[in-house]
Amino acid sequence: MQDMLTHLEKLRRDAAECALIRDLATDLRKRELFSKLAEHLTALATQVEETINAARKEDQII
């Protein structure tokens, strides 16, 4: 479980970093690229978080 939490934190940090780069970029293509990257990493982090929460619920049932 700790590995998943570590990966979740990294995904959230990477998404935030991409969003920052997007906000600072002056080139439209770079802004669009880093926006897509931030969105994708955020979606991945959400999926990992949902998996962690589901695993925790299963552990409580058992």
C-alpha atoms as a PDB file:
ATOM      1  CA  MET A   1       0.000   0.000   0.000  1.00  0.00           C
ATOM      2  CA  GLN A   2       2.845   2.391   0.796  1.00  0.00           C
ATOM      3  CA  ASP A   3       4.188   1.981  -2.748  1.00  0.00           C
ATOM      4  CA  MET A   4       0.853   3.058  -4.159  1.00  0.00           C
ATOM      5  CA  LEU A   5       0.760   6.091  -1.886  1.00  0.00           C
ATOM      6  CA  THR A   6       4.274   7.033  -2.972  1.00  0.00           C
ATOM      7  CA  HIS A   7       3.302   6.750  -6.630  1.00  0.00           C
ATOM      8  CA  LEU A   8       0.153   8.775  -5.994  1.00  0.00           C
ATOM      9  CA  GLU A   9       2.188  11.580  -4.437  1.00  0.00           C
ATOM     10  CA  LYS A  10       4.604  11.542  -7.378  1.00  0.00           C
ATOM     11  CA  LEU A  11       1.770  11.696  -9.907  1.00  0.00           C
ATOM     12  CA  ARG A  12       0.230  14.660  -8.067  1.00  0.00           C
ATOM     13  CA  ARG A  13       3.603  16.466  -7.947  1.00  0.00           C
ATOM     14  CA  ASP A  14       4.254  15.805 -11.630  1.00  0.00           C
ATOM     15  CA  ALA A  15       0.772  17.045 -12.559  1.00  0.00           C
ATOM     16  CA  ALA A  16       1.329  20.229 -10.564  1.00  0.00           C
ATOM     17  CA  GLU A  17       4.705  20.752 -12.209  1.00  0.00           C
ATOM     18  CA  CYS A  18       3.197  20.336 -15.670  1.00  0.00           C
ATOM     19  CA  ALA A  19       0.454  22.810 -14.783  1.00  0.00           C
ATOM     20  CA  LEU A  20       3.074  25.303 -13.622  1.00  0.00           C
ATOM     21  CA  ILE A  21       5.065  24.908 -16.831  1.00  0.00           C
ATOM     22  CA  ARG A  22       1.823  25.309 -18.805  1.00  0.00           C
ATOM     23  CA  ASP A  23       1.050  28.533 -16.978  1.00  0.00           C
ATOM     24  CA  LEU A  24       4.533  29.920 -17.610  1.00  0.00           C
ATOM     25  CA  ALA A  25       4.839  28.824 -21.248  1.00  0.00           C
ATOM     26  CA  THR A  26       4.600  31.514 -23.876  1.00  0.00           C
ATOM     27  CA  ASP A  27       4.510  29.117 -26.833  1.00  0.00           C
ATOM     28  CA  LEU A  28       0.963  27.950 -27.588  1.00  0.00           C
ATOM     29  CA  ARG A  29       2.020  24.406 -28.529  1.00  0.00           C
ATOM     30  CA  LYS A  30       3.984  23.996 -25.307  1.00  0.00           C
ATOM     31  CA  ARG A  31       1.072  25.350 -23.309  1.00  0.00           C
ATOM     32  CA  GLU A  32      -1.285  22.858 -24.940  1.00  0.00           C
ATOM     33  CA  LEU A  33       1.155  19.969 -24.462  1.00  0.00           C
ATOM     34  CA  PHE A  34       1.721  20.638 -20.779  1.00  0.00           C
ATOM     35  CA  SER A  35      -1.990  21.175 -20.259  1.00  0.00           C
ATOM     36  CA  LYS A  36      -2.682  17.723 -21.700  1.00  0.00           C
ATOM     37  CA  LEU A  37       0.112  16.210 -19.622  1.00  0.00           C
ATOM     38  CA  ALA A  38      -1.240  17.809 -16.445  1.00  0.00           C
ATOM     39  CA  GLU A  39      -4.745  16.549 -17.219  1.00  0.00           C
ATOM     40  CA  HIS A  40      -3.503  13.036 -17.979  1.00  0.00           C
ATOM     41  CA  LEU A  41      -1.352  12.823 -14.842  1.00  0.00           C
ATOM     42  CA  THR A  42      -4.242  14.121 -12.742  1.00  0.00           C
ATOM     43  CA  ALA A  43      -6.531  11.453 -14.219  1.00  0.00           C
ATOM     44  CA  LEU A  44      -3.955   8.762 -13.475  1.00  0.00           C
ATOM     45  CA  ALA A  45      -3.582  10.020  -9.913  1.00  0.00           C
ATOM     46  CA  THR A  46      -7.340   9.928  -9.485  1.00  0.00           C
ATOM     47  CA  GLN A  47      -7.437   6.314 -10.673  1.00  0.00           C
ATOM     48  CA  VAL A  48      -4.649   5.333  -8.286  1.00  0.00           C
ATOM     49  CA  GLU A  49      -6.423   7.104  -5.433  1.00  0.00           C
ATOM     50  CA  GLU A  50      -9.677   5.293  -6.234  1.00  0.00           C
ATOM     51  CA  THR A  51      -7.818   1.978  -6.245  1.00  0.00           C
ATOM     52  CA  ILE A  52      -6.251   2.767  -2.870  1.00  0.00           C
ATOM     53  CA  ASN A  53      -9.626   3.719  -1.411  1.00  0.00           C
ATOM     54  CA  ALA A  54     -11.243   0.531  -2.760  1.00  0.00           C
ATOM     55  CA  ALA A  55      -8.447  -1.577  -1.269  1.00  0.00           C
ATOM     56  CA  ARG A  56      -8.893   0.139   2.090  1.00  0.00           C
ATOM     57  CA  LYS A  57     -12.633  -0.547   2.036  1.00  0.00           C
ATOM     58  CA  GLU A  58     -12.005  -4.209   1.233  1.00  0.00           C
ATOM     59  CA  ASP A  59      -9.586  -4.448   4.151  1.00  0.00           C
ATOM     60  CA  GLN A  60     -12.214  -3.013   6.497  1.00  0.00           C
ATOM     61  CA  ILE A  61     -14.814  -5.533   5.364  1.00  0.00           C
ATOM     62  CA  ILE A  62     -12.546  -8.481   6.016  1.00  0.00           C
END
